[in-house]
Amino acid sequence: ELLDDRLWAHSMRLVALDAVAATTSHRPPYYDIIFTETQAEVAAEIHRAVHAQLAALCFSMRDLGVNTLDVAAFASIQANQYQIPRNDRKHILFAFTTALDGDEEQQNK
């Protein structure tokens, strides 16, 4: 089956951790910036990195033939798990479904 939740969730964990490591490698440790002005900036940077990885994973799932409803459910669950803001989750789903609609239009020509 193309939608093995454990496989995709594990993949998301790996790419999220890699993205966070790459994003924060040039910064002081978290405990040095907590409750400082830098904290919000770092958190936003991490959210953007995780957002990008989730969006990329959704497109990979689609390209591998996972059905759209399953991808949307996966995106919602992962967005909640990684505390991606609701507007960002909507953006991912909109971008994904818009790209999907564009692909269908191309196939129909």
N, C-alpha and C. Protein backbone atom coordinates (compact mmCIF):
# COMPACT_ATOMS: atom_id res chain seq x y z
N GLU A 1 0.85 -1.19 0.00
CA GLU A 1 0.00 0.00 0.00
C GLU A 1 0.89 1.25 0.00
N LEU A 2 0.47 2.24 -0.78
CA LEU A 2 1.27 3.46 -0.90
C LEU A 2 1.19 4.34 0.34
N LEU A 3 0.10 4.24 1.08
CA LEU A 3 -0.02 5.07 2.28
C LEU A 3 0.26 4.21 3.50
N ASP A 4 1.50 4.11 3.84
CA ASP A 4 1.89 3.46 5.09
C ASP A 4 2.22 4.59 6.05
N ASP A 5 1.29 4.87 6.95
CA ASP A 5 1.43 6.01 7.85
C ASP A 5 2.77 6.01 8.60
N ARG A 6 3.21 4.84 8.98
CA ARG A 6 4.46 4.78 9.74
C ARG A 6 5.65 5.19 8.89
N LEU A 7 5.66 4.75 7.63
CA LEU A 7 6.76 5.12 6.73
C LEU A 7 6.80 6.63 6.52
N TRP A 8 5.65 7.22 6.18
CA TRP A 8 5.61 8.65 5.90
C TRP A 8 5.87 9.46 7.17
N ALA A 9 5.34 9.03 8.30
CA ALA A 9 5.57 9.75 9.57
C ALA A 9 7.06 9.68 9.94
N HIS A 10 7.66 8.52 9.73
CA HIS A 10 9.09 8.38 10.00
C HIS A 10 9.90 9.28 9.06
N SER A 11 9.52 9.31 7.80
CA SER A 11 10.20 10.18 6.84
C SER A 11 10.07 11.64 7.25
N MET A 12 8.89 12.01 7.72
CA MET A 12 8.67 13.39 8.16
C MET A 12 9.57 13.72 9.35
N ARG A 13 9.66 12.78 10.29
CA ARG A 13 10.54 13.01 11.45
C ARG A 13 11.98 13.24 11.00
N LEU A 14 12.44 12.41 10.08
CA LEU A 14 13.83 12.54 9.62
C LEU A 14 14.08 13.87 8.92
N VAL A 15 13.19 14.24 7.99
CA VAL A 15 13.42 15.48 7.26
C VAL A 15 13.22 16.70 8.16
N ALA A 16 12.30 16.60 9.12
CA ALA A 16 12.09 17.72 10.06
C ALA A 16 13.32 17.90 10.94
N LEU A 17 13.85 16.80 11.44
CA LEU A 17 15.06 16.90 12.28
C LEU A 17 16.24 17.45 11.48
N ASP A 18 16.39 17.00 10.25
CA ASP A 18 17.46 17.52 9.40
C ASP A 18 17.29 19.01 9.14
N ALA A 19 16.06 19.42 8.88
CA ALA A 19 15.78 20.83 8.60
C ALA A 19 16.06 21.69 9.83
N VAL A 20 15.64 21.20 10.99
CA VAL A 20 15.88 21.94 12.23
C VAL A 20 17.38 22.01 12.52
N ALA A 21 18.08 20.91 12.32
CA ALA A 21 19.53 20.91 12.55
C ALA A 21 20.23 21.90 11.63
N ALA A 22 19.84 21.92 10.37
CA ALA A 22 20.46 22.84 9.42
C ALA A 22 20.11 24.29 9.75
N THR A 23 18.89 24.52 10.20
CA THR A 23 18.43 25.87 10.51
C THR A 23 19.10 26.43 11.76
N THR A 24 19.34 25.57 12.71
CA THR A 24 19.84 26.05 14.01
C THR A 24 21.33 25.83 14.21
N SER A 25 22.01 25.26 13.24
CA SER A 25 23.43 24.94 13.43
C SER A 25 24.29 26.16 13.67
N HIS A 26 23.88 27.31 13.18
CA HIS A 26 24.66 28.54 13.33
C HIS A 26 24.21 29.37 14.53
N ARG A 27 23.32 28.85 15.32
CA ARG A 27 22.77 29.59 16.46
C ARG A 27 23.28 29.02 17.78
N PRO A 28 23.20 29.83 18.84
CA PRO A 28 23.53 29.29 20.16
C PRO A 28 22.50 28.23 20.57
N PRO A 29 22.82 27.41 21.54
CA PRO A 29 21.86 26.39 21.99
C PRO A 29 20.55 27.04 22.46
N TYR A 30 19.47 26.26 22.35
CA TYR A 30 18.14 26.77 22.68
C TYR A 30 18.08 27.36 24.09
N TYR A 31 18.72 26.68 25.05
CA TYR A 31 18.64 27.15 26.44
C TYR A 31 19.31 28.51 26.62
N ASP A 32 20.15 28.92 25.68
CA ASP A 32 20.77 30.25 25.76
C ASP A 32 19.89 31.35 25.17
N ILE A 33 18.91 30.96 24.36
CA ILE A 33 18.07 31.99 23.73
C ILE A 33 16.64 32.01 24.25
N ILE A 34 16.28 31.02 25.07
CA ILE A 34 14.90 31.00 25.58
C ILE A 34 14.63 32.27 26.38
N PHE A 35 13.47 32.81 26.17
CA PHE A 35 13.03 34.05 26.82
C PHE A 35 13.85 35.27 26.40
N THR A 36 14.39 35.21 25.19
CA THR A 36 15.08 36.37 24.65
C THR A 36 14.34 36.80 23.38
N GLU A 37 14.73 37.93 22.83
CA GLU A 37 14.11 38.40 21.60
C GLU A 37 14.39 37.47 20.42
N THR A 38 15.49 36.77 20.47
CA THR A 38 15.89 35.86 19.40
C THR A 38 14.99 34.62 19.34
N GLN A 39 14.37 34.27 20.45
CA GLN A 39 13.56 33.06 20.52
C GLN A 39 12.48 33.03 19.45
N ALA A 40 11.75 34.11 19.28
CA ALA A 40 10.66 34.15 18.30
C ALA A 40 11.20 34.00 16.88
N GLU A 41 12.32 34.63 16.61
CA GLU A 41 12.93 34.54 15.28
C GLU A 41 13.35 33.10 14.97
N VAL A 42 13.97 32.44 15.94
CA VAL A 42 14.42 31.06 15.75
C VAL A 42 13.21 30.14 15.57
N ALA A 43 12.19 30.34 16.39
CA ALA A 43 10.98 29.50 16.27
C ALA A 43 10.34 29.67 14.90
N ALA A 44 10.27 30.89 14.40
CA ALA A 44 9.69 31.14 13.07
C ALA A 44 10.53 30.47 11.99
N GLU A 45 11.84 30.53 12.14
CA GLU A 45 12.73 29.91 11.16
C GLU A 45 12.55 28.39 11.14
N ILE A 46 12.41 27.81 12.31
CA ILE A 46 12.20 26.36 12.41
C ILE A 46 10.85 25.99 11.79
N HIS A 47 9.81 26.77 12.10
CA HIS A 47 8.50 26.47 11.52
C HIS A 47 8.55 26.53 9.99
N ARG A 48 9.26 27.52 9.45
CA ARG A 48 9.37 27.62 7.98
C ARG A 48 10.08 26.40 7.40
N ALA A 49 11.12 25.95 8.07
CA ALA A 49 11.86 24.79 7.58
C ALA A 49 10.99 23.52 7.62
N VAL A 50 10.27 23.33 8.71
CA VAL A 50 9.41 22.16 8.84
C VAL A 50 8.25 22.25 7.84
N HIS A 51 7.70 23.44 7.68
CA HIS A 51 6.63 23.69 6.70
C HIS A 51 7.10 23.26 5.31
N ALA A 52 8.28 23.70 4.92
CA ALA A 52 8.80 23.38 3.59
C ALA A 52 8.99 21.87 3.43
N GLN A 53 9.47 21.22 4.47
CA GLN A 53 9.68 19.77 4.38
C GLN A 53 8.36 19.02 4.27
N LEU A 54 7.35 19.47 5.03
CA LEU A 54 6.04 18.83 4.95
C LEU A 54 5.44 19.01 3.57
N ALA A 55 5.55 20.21 3.03
CA ALA A 55 5.02 20.47 1.68
C ALA A 55 5.72 19.57 0.66
N ALA A 56 7.04 19.47 0.75
CA ALA A 56 7.79 18.63 -0.19
C ALA A 56 7.39 17.16 -0.06
N LEU A 57 7.18 16.72 1.17
CA LEU A 57 6.79 15.34 1.38
C LEU A 57 5.39 15.06 0.80
N CYS A 58 4.50 16.02 0.93
CA CYS A 58 3.15 15.87 0.35
C CYS A 58 3.23 15.72 -1.17
N PHE A 59 4.08 16.51 -1.81
CA PHE A 59 4.24 16.39 -3.27
C PHE A 59 4.88 15.05 -3.64
N SER A 60 5.80 14.58 -2.83
CA SER A 60 6.40 13.26 -3.09
C SER A 60 5.34 12.16 -2.97
N MET A 61 4.50 12.28 -1.95
CA MET A 61 3.43 11.29 -1.77
C MET A 61 2.53 11.27 -3.01
N ARG A 62 2.17 12.46 -3.48
CA ARG A 62 1.31 12.56 -4.66
C ARG A 62 1.99 11.93 -5.86
N ASP A 63 3.27 12.26 -6.04
CA ASP A 63 4.01 11.74 -7.19
C ASP A 63 4.13 10.22 -7.15
N LEU A 64 4.08 9.66 -5.95
CA LEU A 64 4.16 8.20 -5.81
C LEU A 64 2.79 7.54 -5.85
N GLY A 65 1.73 8.34 -6.08
CA GLY A 65 0.41 7.77 -6.29
C GLY A 65 -0.50 7.70 -5.08
N VAL A 66 -0.13 8.34 -3.97
CA VAL A 66 -1.01 8.35 -2.81
C VAL A 66 -2.19 9.26 -3.12
N ASN A 67 -3.38 8.82 -2.75
CA ASN A 67 -4.58 9.59 -3.10
C ASN A 67 -4.64 10.91 -2.31
N THR A 68 -5.27 11.91 -2.92
CA THR A 68 -5.28 13.28 -2.41
C THR A 68 -5.85 13.37 -1.00
N LEU A 69 -6.92 12.66 -0.72
CA LEU A 69 -7.52 12.72 0.63
C LEU A 69 -6.56 12.17 1.68
N ASP A 70 -5.83 11.12 1.34
CA ASP A 70 -4.86 10.57 2.28
C ASP A 70 -3.70 11.54 2.52
N VAL A 71 -3.27 12.21 1.46
CA VAL A 71 -2.20 13.21 1.60
C VAL A 71 -2.67 14.36 2.48
N ALA A 72 -3.90 14.82 2.25
CA ALA A 72 -4.45 15.92 3.05
C ALA A 72 -4.56 15.52 4.52
N ALA A 73 -5.01 14.31 4.77
CA ALA A 73 -5.10 13.83 6.16
C ALA A 73 -3.72 13.76 6.80
N PHE A 74 -2.76 13.25 6.06
CA PHE A 74 -1.38 13.17 6.55
C PHE A 74 -0.85 14.56 6.87
N ALA A 75 -1.08 15.50 5.96
CA ALA A 75 -0.59 16.88 6.16
C ALA A 75 -1.22 17.49 7.42
N SER A 76 -2.50 17.26 7.62
CA SER A 76 -3.17 17.81 8.80
C SER A 76 -2.61 17.22 10.09
N ILE A 77 -2.43 15.91 10.10
CA ILE A 77 -1.90 15.25 11.30
C ILE A 77 -0.49 15.73 11.59
N GLN A 78 0.36 15.77 10.57
CA GLN A 78 1.74 16.19 10.78
C GLN A 78 1.83 17.67 11.16
N ALA A 79 0.99 18.49 10.56
CA ALA A 79 0.98 19.92 10.90
C ALA A 79 0.62 20.11 12.37
N ASN A 80 -0.34 19.33 12.84
CA ASN A 80 -0.70 19.40 14.26
C ASN A 80 0.44 18.90 15.13
N GLN A 81 1.02 17.79 14.74
CA GLN A 81 2.10 17.20 15.54
C GLN A 81 3.30 18.14 15.65
N TYR A 82 3.64 18.81 14.56
CA TYR A 82 4.80 19.69 14.56
C TYR A 82 4.43 21.14 14.86
N GLN A 83 3.18 21.34 15.26
CA GLN A 83 2.68 22.65 15.68
C GLN A 83 2.86 23.72 14.60
N ILE A 84 2.63 23.31 13.37
CA ILE A 84 2.65 24.26 12.27
C ILE A 84 1.37 25.08 12.36
N PRO A 85 1.46 26.39 12.34
CA PRO A 85 0.26 27.22 12.47
C PRO A 85 -0.80 26.86 11.42
N ARG A 86 -2.05 27.03 11.80
CA ARG A 86 -3.18 26.66 10.95
C ARG A 86 -3.11 27.32 9.57
N ASN A 87 -2.73 28.59 9.51
CA ASN A 87 -2.63 29.26 8.21
C ASN A 87 -1.58 28.62 7.32
N ASP A 88 -0.47 28.19 7.92
CA ASP A 88 0.56 27.50 7.14
C ASP A 88 0.04 26.17 6.61
N ARG A 89 -0.71 25.45 7.45
CA ARG A 89 -1.28 24.17 7.02
C ARG A 89 -2.24 24.41 5.85
N LYS A 90 -3.05 25.45 5.94
CA LYS A 90 -3.97 25.78 4.84
C LYS A 90 -3.18 26.10 3.57
N HIS A 91 -2.07 26.79 3.73
CA HIS A 91 -1.23 27.14 2.59
C HIS A 91 -0.67 25.88 1.92
N ILE A 92 -0.21 24.94 2.73
CA ILE A 92 0.33 23.68 2.18
C ILE A 92 -0.76 22.95 1.41
N LEU A 93 -1.94 22.82 2.02
CA LEU A 93 -3.02 22.10 1.37
C LEU A 93 -3.49 22.81 0.10
N PHE A 94 -3.55 24.14 0.15
CA PHE A 94 -3.96 24.90 -1.04
C PHE A 94 -2.95 24.73 -2.16
N ALA A 95 -1.66 24.85 -1.82
CA ALA A 95 -0.62 24.70 -2.84
C ALA A 95 -0.65 23.29 -3.44
N PHE A 96 -0.86 22.32 -2.59
CA PHE A 96 -0.90 20.94 -3.06
C PHE A 96 -2.09 20.71 -3.98
N THR A 97 -3.28 21.13 -3.58
CA THR A 97 -4.46 20.88 -4.40
C THR A 97 -4.43 21.73 -5.67
N THR A 98 -3.86 22.94 -5.61
CA THR A 98 -3.74 23.78 -6.80
C THR A 98 -2.81 23.12 -7.81
N ALA A 99 -1.69 22.61 -7.33
CA ALA A 99 -0.74 21.92 -8.23
C ALA A 99 -1.39 20.67 -8.81
N LEU A 100 -2.16 19.98 -8.00
CA LEU A 100 -2.84 18.78 -8.46
C LEU A 100 -3.84 19.13 -9.55
N ASP A 101 -4.61 20.22 -9.35
CA ASP A 101 -5.56 20.66 -10.37
C ASP A 101 -4.84 21.03 -11.66
N GLY A 102 -3.70 21.69 -11.56
CA GLY A 102 -2.92 22.06 -12.74
C GLY A 102 -2.41 20.84 -13.49
N ASP A 103 -2.00 19.81 -12.75
CA ASP A 103 -1.53 18.58 -13.39
C ASP A 103 -2.66 17.88 -14.13
N GLU A 104 -3.85 17.89 -13.52
CA GLU A 104 -5.01 17.25 -14.17
C GLU A 104 -5.39 18.00 -15.45
N GLU A 105 -5.30 19.34 -15.41
CA GLU A 105 -5.61 20.13 -16.60
C GLU A 105 -4.63 19.81 -17.72
N GLN A 106 -3.34 19.68 -17.36
CA GLN A 106 -2.32 19.35 -18.37
C GLN A 106 -2.59 17.98 -19.00
N GLN A 107 -3.03 17.03 -18.18
CA GLN A 107 -3.29 15.69 -18.69
C GLN A 107 -4.50 15.66 -19.60
N ASN A 108 -5.45 16.57 -19.35
CA ASN A 108 -6.68 16.61 -20.15
C ASN A 108 -6.47 17.31 -21.49
N LYS A 109 -5.36 17.98 -21.71
CA LYS A 109 -5.12 18.70 -22.98
C LYS A 109 -4.68 17.75 -24.06
